[in-house]
Amino acid sequence: MAEIDLYNSKGKVIDKVLLPDEIFKVKVKVSVLNEVVKMHLANCRMGTACTKTKGEVSGGGSRPWRQKGTGRARAGSNRSPLWRHGGVTFGPRPRNFKYSIPKKKKKLALKGALSNKFEAGELLVVDTLELKEPKTRIMSKLLDGLKVQKTSLIVIAKIDKLLLRATNNIPGLKVILGKDLNVYDVLKYKKIIITKEAVSMVKEVLG
């Protein structure tokens, strides 16, 4: 079991927390992390881009002019992709980019990402992050007390409306539930601030 300092909301060490080696001391290949991040980004894509083919644009019907005798090129429809306001050839159509990989591989990648943060000293465990008022000023002071940048990931065990409102106006700061923790967010943010209760939740999810 690995040990890590437990901080209070004022940035003082008050205790130690044990972290299981099978979650926070795991070696993972970069290729596995890359595969999971690519899947996460693909699943975030909306896939709603759409263009109209010549069968969907308005117009058409009769020929723009007769076949011969006008001196102009032959034209069968003003919906042709060659015409202005005509259909689009090989344009994007709505599609689903989502795919999945084995759950064991996703868990392994998340363990590896958390292990990397732990070894780099970028994981901070706090006793609680409860606020009495939903004030950005109070949250900024709390982060300053913990000596972390405001571009961090905060992991909590349950939804806290006061905390969410206090962090809304701080750019680069994200709050996420322990059960929703993912490889992309762990790797994206420099520091991870996780509550003691959320650590237990992560253990349950990855155990």
C-alpha atoms as a PDB file:
ATOM      1  CA  MET A   1       0.000   0.000   0.000  1.00  0.00           C
ATOM      2  CA  ALA A   2       1.248   3.469  -0.939  1.00  0.00           C
ATOM      3  CA  GLU A   3       0.944   6.396   1.474  1.00  0.00           C
ATOM      4  CA  ILE A   4      -0.052   9.936   0.572  1.00  0.00           C
ATOM      5  CA  ASP A   5      -0.608  13.048   2.681  1.00  0.00           C
ATOM      6  CA  LEU A   6      -4.175  14.047   3.549  1.00  0.00           C
ATOM      7  CA  TYR A   7      -4.772  17.811   3.495  1.00  0.00           C
ATOM      8  CA  ASN A   8      -7.542  19.901   4.988  1.00  0.00           C
ATOM      9  CA  SER A   9      -9.187  22.765   3.101  1.00  0.00           C
ATOM     10  CA  LYS A  10      -6.561  25.196   4.454  1.00  0.00           C
ATOM     11  CA  GLY A  11      -3.679  23.261   2.917  1.00  0.00           C
ATOM     12  CA  LYS A  12      -2.330  21.670   6.103  1.00  0.00           C
ATOM     13  CA  VAL A  13      -1.373  17.995   6.381  1.00  0.00           C
ATOM     14  CA  ILE A  14      -3.640  16.345   8.925  1.00  0.00           C
ATOM     15  CA  ASP A  15      -3.182  12.622   8.287  1.00  0.00           C
ATOM     16  CA  LYS A  16      -2.014   9.926   5.873  1.00  0.00           C
ATOM     17  CA  VAL A  17      -4.133   7.957   3.385  1.00  0.00           C
ATOM     18  CA  LEU A  18      -3.336   4.475   2.107  1.00  0.00           C
ATOM     19  CA  LEU A  19      -3.670   3.914  -1.633  1.00  0.00           C
ATOM     20  CA  PRO A  20      -3.789   0.375  -3.058  1.00  0.00           C
ATOM     21  CA  ASP A  21      -0.820  -0.587  -5.239  1.00  0.00           C
ATOM     22  CA  GLU A  22      -3.090  -2.323  -7.764  1.00  0.00           C
ATOM     23  CA  ILE A  23      -4.626   1.079  -8.650  1.00  0.00           C
ATOM     24  CA  PHE A  24      -1.984   3.716  -7.925  1.00  0.00           C
ATOM     25  CA  LYS A  25       1.216   1.791  -8.742  1.00  0.00           C
ATOM     26  CA  VAL A  26       0.437   0.254 -12.114  1.00  0.00           C
ATOM     27  CA  LYS A  27       2.676   0.355 -15.168  1.00  0.00           C
ATOM     28  CA  VAL A  28       0.810   0.843 -18.419  1.00  0.00           C
ATOM     29  CA  LYS A  29       1.908   1.091 -22.045  1.00  0.00           C
ATOM     30  CA  VAL A  30       1.525   4.451 -23.754  1.00  0.00           C
ATOM     31  CA  SER A  31      -0.219   2.661 -26.636  1.00  0.00           C
ATOM     32  CA  VAL A  32      -3.029   1.559 -24.288  1.00  0.00           C
ATOM     33  CA  LEU A  33      -3.501   5.113 -22.987  1.00  0.00           C
ATOM     34  CA  ASN A  34      -3.514   6.404 -26.555  1.00  0.00           C
ATOM     35  CA  GLU A  35      -6.151   3.877 -27.595  1.00  0.00           C
ATOM     36  CA  VAL A  36      -8.473   4.773 -24.701  1.00  0.00           C
ATOM     37  CA  VAL A  37      -8.086   8.541 -25.247  1.00  0.00           C
ATOM     38  CA  LYS A  38      -8.848   8.159 -28.966  1.00  0.00           C
ATOM     39  CA  MET A  39     -11.992   6.184 -28.101  1.00  0.00           C
ATOM     40  CA  HIS A  40     -13.061   8.864 -25.591  1.00  0.00           C
ATOM     41  CA  LEU A  41     -12.645  11.671 -28.131  1.00  0.00           C
ATOM     42  CA  ALA A  42     -14.435   9.678 -30.838  1.00  0.00           C
ATOM     43  CA  ASN A  43     -17.368   9.035 -28.506  1.00  0.00           C
ATOM     44  CA  CYS A  44     -17.595  12.787 -27.811  1.00  0.00           C
ATOM     45  CA  ARG A  45     -18.092  13.598 -31.489  1.00  0.00           C
ATOM     46  CA  MET A  46     -21.647  14.549 -32.431  1.00  0.00           C
ATOM     47  CA  GLY A  47     -21.523  13.370 -36.039  1.00  0.00           C
ATOM     48  CA  THR A  48     -24.320  15.780 -37.042  1.00  0.00           C
ATOM     49  CA  ALA A  49     -22.578  17.493 -39.993  1.00  0.00           C
ATOM     50  CA  CYS A  50     -24.825  17.133 -43.045  1.00  0.00           C
ATOM     51  CA  THR A  51     -24.945  18.398 -46.628  1.00  0.00           C
ATOM     52  CA  LYS A  52     -27.713  17.960 -49.194  1.00  0.00           C
ATOM     53  CA  THR A  53     -27.306  15.801 -52.256  1.00  0.00           C
ATOM     54  CA  LYS A  54     -28.766  16.806 -55.619  1.00  0.00           C
ATOM     55  CA  GLY A  55     -31.858  14.791 -54.728  1.00  0.00           C
ATOM     56  CA  GLU A  56     -32.484  16.878 -51.600  1.00  0.00           C
ATOM     57  CA  VAL A  57     -31.921  20.481 -52.689  1.00  0.00           C
ATOM     58  CA  SER A  58     -34.883  22.537 -53.891  1.00  0.00           C
ATOM     59  CA  GLY A  59     -35.436  23.159 -57.575  1.00  0.00           C
ATOM     60  CA  GLY A  60     -35.084  20.802 -60.500  1.00  0.00           C
ATOM     61  CA  GLY A  61     -38.111  19.538 -62.337  1.00  0.00           C
ATOM     62  CA  SER A  62     -37.923  20.587 -65.996  1.00  0.00           C
ATOM     63  CA  ARG A  63     -34.686  21.157 -67.858  1.00  0.00           C
ATOM     64  CA  PRO A  64     -33.238  24.686 -67.534  1.00  0.00           C
ATOM     65  CA  TRP A  65     -33.243  25.002 -71.364  1.00  0.00           C
ATOM     66  CA  ARG A  66     -33.657  22.779 -74.394  1.00  0.00           C
ATOM     67  CA  GLN A  67     -30.990  20.249 -75.324  1.00  0.00           C
ATOM     68  CA  LYS A  68     -29.799  21.807 -78.580  1.00  0.00           C
ATOM     69  CA  GLY A  69     -29.671  25.141 -80.337  1.00  0.00           C
ATOM     70  CA  THR A  70     -28.896  27.508 -77.455  1.00  0.00           C
ATOM     71  CA  GLY A  71     -25.109  27.422 -77.715  1.00  0.00           C
ATOM     72  CA  ARG A  72     -24.814  26.558 -74.040  1.00  0.00           C
ATOM     73  CA  ALA A  73     -23.699  23.335 -72.438  1.00  0.00           C
ATOM     74  CA  ARG A  74     -26.311  20.629 -72.045  1.00  0.00           C
ATOM     75  CA  ALA A  75     -27.982  20.773 -68.614  1.00  0.00           C
ATOM     76  CA  GLY A  76     -30.559  18.403 -67.224  1.00  0.00           C
ATOM     77  CA  SER A  77     -31.249  20.030 -63.832  1.00  0.00           C
ATOM     78  CA  ASN A  78     -30.316  23.098 -61.847  1.00  0.00           C
ATOM     79  CA  ARG A  79     -29.803  20.809 -58.841  1.00  0.00           C
ATOM     80  CA  SER A  80     -26.585  19.475 -60.354  1.00  0.00           C
ATOM     81  CA  PRO A  81     -23.460  19.719 -58.140  1.00  0.00           C
ATOM     82  CA  LEU A  82     -21.908  21.757 -60.965  1.00  0.00           C
ATOM     83  CA  TRP A  83     -24.425  24.545 -60.412  1.00  0.00           C
ATOM     84  CA  ARG A  84     -24.514  27.202 -57.713  1.00  0.00           C
ATOM     85  CA  HIS A  85     -26.956  26.164 -54.989  1.00  0.00           C
ATOM     86  CA  GLY A  86     -26.869  22.640 -56.369  1.00  0.00           C
ATOM     87  CA  GLY A  87     -26.294  19.451 -54.419  1.00  0.00           C
ATOM     88  CA  VAL A  88     -22.981  18.552 -52.780  1.00  0.00           C
ATOM     89  CA  THR A  89     -20.984  15.572 -54.030  1.00  0.00           C
ATOM     90  CA  PHE A  90     -19.473  13.313 -51.341  1.00  0.00           C
ATOM     91  CA  GLY A  91     -20.290  15.807 -48.565  1.00  0.00           C
ATOM     92  CA  PRO A  92     -20.531  14.844 -44.871  1.00  0.00           C
ATOM     93  CA  ARG A  93     -23.578  12.913 -43.740  1.00  0.00           C
ATOM     94  CA  PRO A  94     -24.835  12.203 -40.190  1.00  0.00           C
ATOM     95  CA  ARG A  95     -22.916   9.299 -38.718  1.00  0.00           C
ATOM     96  CA  ASN A  96     -22.129   7.696 -35.391  1.00  0.00           C
ATOM     97  CA  PHE A  97     -18.443   7.753 -34.457  1.00  0.00           C
ATOM     98  CA  LYS A  98     -18.898   5.785 -31.237  1.00  0.00           C
ATOM     99  CA  TYR A  99     -17.102   2.524 -30.594  1.00  0.00           C
ATOM    100  CA  SER A 100     -15.983   0.636 -27.526  1.00  0.00           C
ATOM    101  CA  ILE A 101     -13.000  -1.321 -26.302  1.00  0.00           C
ATOM    102  CA  PRO A 102     -12.869  -4.009 -23.574  1.00  0.00           C
ATOM    103  CA  LYS A 103     -13.703  -2.783 -20.062  1.00  0.00           C
ATOM    104  CA  LYS A 104     -10.550  -4.400 -18.673  1.00  0.00           C
ATOM    105  CA  LYS A 105      -8.411  -2.311 -21.016  1.00  0.00           C
ATOM    106  CA  LYS A 106     -10.232   0.904 -20.010  1.00  0.00           C
ATOM    107  CA  LYS A 107      -9.736   0.120 -16.321  1.00  0.00           C
ATOM    108  CA  LEU A 108      -6.073  -0.707 -16.894  1.00  0.00           C
ATOM    109  CA  ALA A 109      -5.536   2.600 -18.704  1.00  0.00           C
ATOM    110  CA  LEU A 110      -7.237   4.573 -15.906  1.00  0.00           C
ATOM    111  CA  LYS A 111      -5.118   2.823 -13.289  1.00  0.00           C
ATOM    112  CA  GLY A 112      -2.020   3.663 -15.298  1.00  0.00           C
ATOM    113  CA  ALA A 113      -3.010   7.326 -15.628  1.00  0.00           C
ATOM    114  CA  LEU A 114      -3.691   7.605 -11.873  1.00  0.00           C
ATOM    115  CA  SER A 115      -0.399   5.854 -11.114  1.00  0.00           C
ATOM    116  CA  ASN A 116       1.433   8.323 -13.308  1.00  0.00           C
ATOM    117  CA  LYS A 117      -0.125  11.263 -11.436  1.00  0.00           C
ATOM    118  CA  PHE A 118       0.720   9.698  -8.082  1.00  0.00           C
ATOM    119  CA  GLU A 119       4.357   9.085  -9.010  1.00  0.00           C
ATOM    120  CA  ALA A 120       4.698  12.621 -10.408  1.00  0.00           C
ATOM    121  CA  GLY A 121       3.332  14.139  -7.186  1.00  0.00           C
ATOM    122  CA  GLU A 122       0.363  15.627  -9.033  1.00  0.00           C
ATOM    123  CA  LEU A 123      -2.295  13.877  -6.931  1.00  0.00           C
ATOM    124  CA  LEU A 124      -3.654  15.766  -3.933  1.00  0.00           C
ATOM    125  CA  VAL A 125      -6.030  14.144  -1.431  1.00  0.00           C
ATOM    126  CA  VAL A 126      -8.140  16.482   0.712  1.00  0.00           C
ATOM    127  CA  ASP A 127     -10.376  15.688   3.650  1.00  0.00           C
ATOM    128  CA  THR A 128     -13.348  17.722   2.370  1.00  0.00           C
ATOM    129  CA  LEU A 129     -14.209  20.514  -0.054  1.00  0.00           C
ATOM    130  CA  GLU A 130     -17.492  21.638   1.459  1.00  0.00           C
ATOM    131  CA  LEU A 131     -18.274  25.355   1.114  1.00  0.00           C
ATOM    132  CA  LYS A 132     -20.649  27.452   3.202  1.00  0.00           C
ATOM    133  CA  GLU A 133     -21.323  29.867   0.331  1.00  0.00           C
ATOM    134  CA  PRO A 134     -21.185  29.442  -3.466  1.00  0.00           C
ATOM    135  CA  LYS A 135     -18.573  32.175  -3.872  1.00  0.00           C
ATOM    136  CA  THR A 136     -15.801  32.109  -6.494  1.00  0.00           C
ATOM    137  CA  ARG A 137     -13.631  34.181  -4.143  1.00  0.00           C
ATOM    138  CA  ILE A 138     -13.855  31.500  -1.443  1.00  0.00           C
ATOM    139  CA  MET A 139     -12.983  28.743  -3.917  1.00  0.00           C
ATOM    140  CA  SER A 140      -9.995  30.695  -5.253  1.00  0.00           C
ATOM    141  CA  LYS A 141      -8.734  31.207  -1.706  1.00  0.00           C
ATOM    142  CA  LEU A 142      -9.111  27.480  -1.027  1.00  0.00           C
ATOM    143  CA  LEU A 143      -7.080  26.606  -4.139  1.00  0.00           C
ATOM    144  CA  ASP A 144      -4.397  29.115  -3.146  1.00  0.00           C
ATOM    145  CA  GLY A 145      -4.233  27.478   0.281  1.00  0.00           C
ATOM    146  CA  LEU A 146      -3.675  24.090  -1.352  1.00  0.00           C
ATOM    147  CA  LYS A 147      -0.993  25.693  -3.586  1.00  0.00           C
ATOM    148  CA  VAL A 148      -2.445  24.341  -6.821  1.00  0.00           C
ATOM    149  CA  GLN A 149      -3.064  25.978 -10.161  1.00  0.00           C
ATOM    150  CA  LYS A 150      -6.607  26.858 -11.127  1.00  0.00           C
ATOM    151  CA  THR A 151      -6.284  24.518 -14.150  1.00  0.00           C
ATOM    152  CA  SER A 152      -6.954  21.411 -12.104  1.00  0.00           C
ATOM    153  CA  LEU A 153      -9.396  18.518 -11.911  1.00  0.00           C
ATOM    154  CA  ILE A 154     -11.500  18.220  -8.760  1.00  0.00           C
ATOM    155  CA  VAL A 155     -12.900  14.762  -8.041  1.00  0.00           C
ATOM    156  CA  ILE A 156     -15.766  14.512  -5.562  1.00  0.00           C
ATOM    157  CA  ALA A 157     -17.965  11.651  -4.365  1.00  0.00           C
ATOM    158  CA  LYS A 158     -21.381  13.304  -4.714  1.00  0.00           C
ATOM    159  CA  ILE A 159     -22.870  16.363  -6.367  1.00  0.00           C
ATOM    160  CA  ASP A 160     -22.310  19.547  -4.364  1.00  0.00           C
ATOM    161  CA  LYS A 161     -24.317  22.464  -5.808  1.00  0.00           C
ATOM    162  CA  LEU A 162     -22.436  25.066  -3.769  1.00  0.00           C
ATOM    163  CA  LEU A 163     -19.083  23.763  -5.023  1.00  0.00           C
ATOM    164  CA  LEU A 164     -20.282  23.635  -8.617  1.00  0.00           C
ATOM    165  CA  ARG A 165     -21.514  27.245  -8.489  1.00  0.00           C
ATOM    166  CA  ALA A 166     -18.282  28.405  -6.847  1.00  0.00           C
ATOM    167  CA  THR A 167     -16.143  26.820  -9.589  1.00  0.00           C
ATOM    168  CA  ASN A 168     -18.267  27.853 -12.598  1.00  0.00           C
ATOM    169  CA  ASN A 169     -16.456  31.168 -13.070  1.00  0.00           C
ATOM    170  CA  ILE A 170     -12.932  29.766 -12.734  1.00  0.00           C
ATOM    171  CA  PRO A 171     -11.646  28.952 -16.231  1.00  0.00           C
ATOM    172  CA  GLY A 172      -9.671  25.741 -16.603  1.00  0.00           C
ATOM    173  CA  LEU A 173     -11.133  24.155 -13.454  1.00  0.00           C
ATOM    174  CA  LYS A 174     -13.314  21.079 -13.799  1.00  0.00           C
ATOM    175  CA  VAL A 175     -15.370  19.177 -11.215  1.00  0.00           C
ATOM    176  CA  ILE A 176     -16.195  15.522 -11.807  1.00  0.00           C
ATOM    177  CA  LEU A 177     -17.682  12.661  -9.813  1.00  0.00           C
ATOM    178  CA  GLY A 178     -15.429   9.782  -8.820  1.00  0.00           C
ATOM    179  CA  LYS A 179     -17.591   7.280 -10.705  1.00  0.00           C
ATOM    180  CA  ASP A 180     -17.191   9.331 -13.916  1.00  0.00           C
ATOM    181  CA  LEU A 181     -13.409   9.609 -13.735  1.00  0.00           C
ATOM    182  CA  ASN A 182     -11.800   8.916 -17.119  1.00  0.00           C
ATOM    183  CA  VAL A 183      -8.347   8.683 -18.659  1.00  0.00           C
ATOM    184  CA  TYR A 184      -8.744  11.784 -20.843  1.00  0.00           C
ATOM    185  CA  ASP A 185      -9.452  14.133 -17.925  1.00  0.00           C
ATOM    186  CA  VAL A 186      -6.741  12.580 -15.742  1.00  0.00           C
ATOM    187  CA  LEU A 187      -4.118  13.164 -18.439  1.00  0.00           C
ATOM    188  CA  LYS A 188      -5.430  16.562 -19.523  1.00  0.00           C
ATOM    189  CA  TYR A 189      -5.236  18.376 -16.177  1.00  0.00           C
ATOM    190  CA  LYS A 190      -1.961  19.110 -14.418  1.00  0.00           C
ATOM    191  CA  LYS A 191      -3.181  18.510 -10.873  1.00  0.00           C
ATOM    192  CA  ILE A 192      -5.895  16.224  -9.523  1.00  0.00           C
ATOM    193  CA  ILE A 193      -7.587  17.234  -6.279  1.00  0.00           C
ATOM    194  CA  ILE A 194      -9.580  14.316  -4.936  1.00  0.00           C
ATOM    195  CA  THR A 195     -11.560  14.076  -1.710  1.00  0.00           C
ATOM    196  CA  LYS A 196     -11.018  11.234   0.724  1.00  0.00           C
ATOM    197  CA  GLU A 197     -14.563  10.018   0.076  1.00  0.00           C
ATOM    198  CA  ALA A 198     -13.963  10.052  -3.690  1.00  0.00           C
ATOM    199  CA  VAL A 199     -10.823   7.919  -3.226  1.00  0.00           C
ATOM    200  CA  SER A 200     -13.032   5.209  -1.723  1.00  0.00           C
ATOM    201  CA  MET A 201     -15.389   5.512  -4.701  1.00  0.00           C
ATOM    202  CA  VAL A 202     -12.518   5.137  -7.160  1.00  0.00           C
ATOM    203  CA  LYS A 203     -11.364   2.028  -5.273  1.00  0.00           C
ATOM    204  CA  GLU A 204     -14.848   0.526  -5.654  1.00  0.00           C
ATOM    205  CA  VAL A 205     -15.001   1.319  -9.380  1.00  0.00           C
ATOM    206  CA  LEU A 206     -11.511   0.010 -10.196  1.00  0.00           C
ATOM    207  CA  GLY A 207     -11.252  -2.694  -7.545  1.00  0.00           C
END
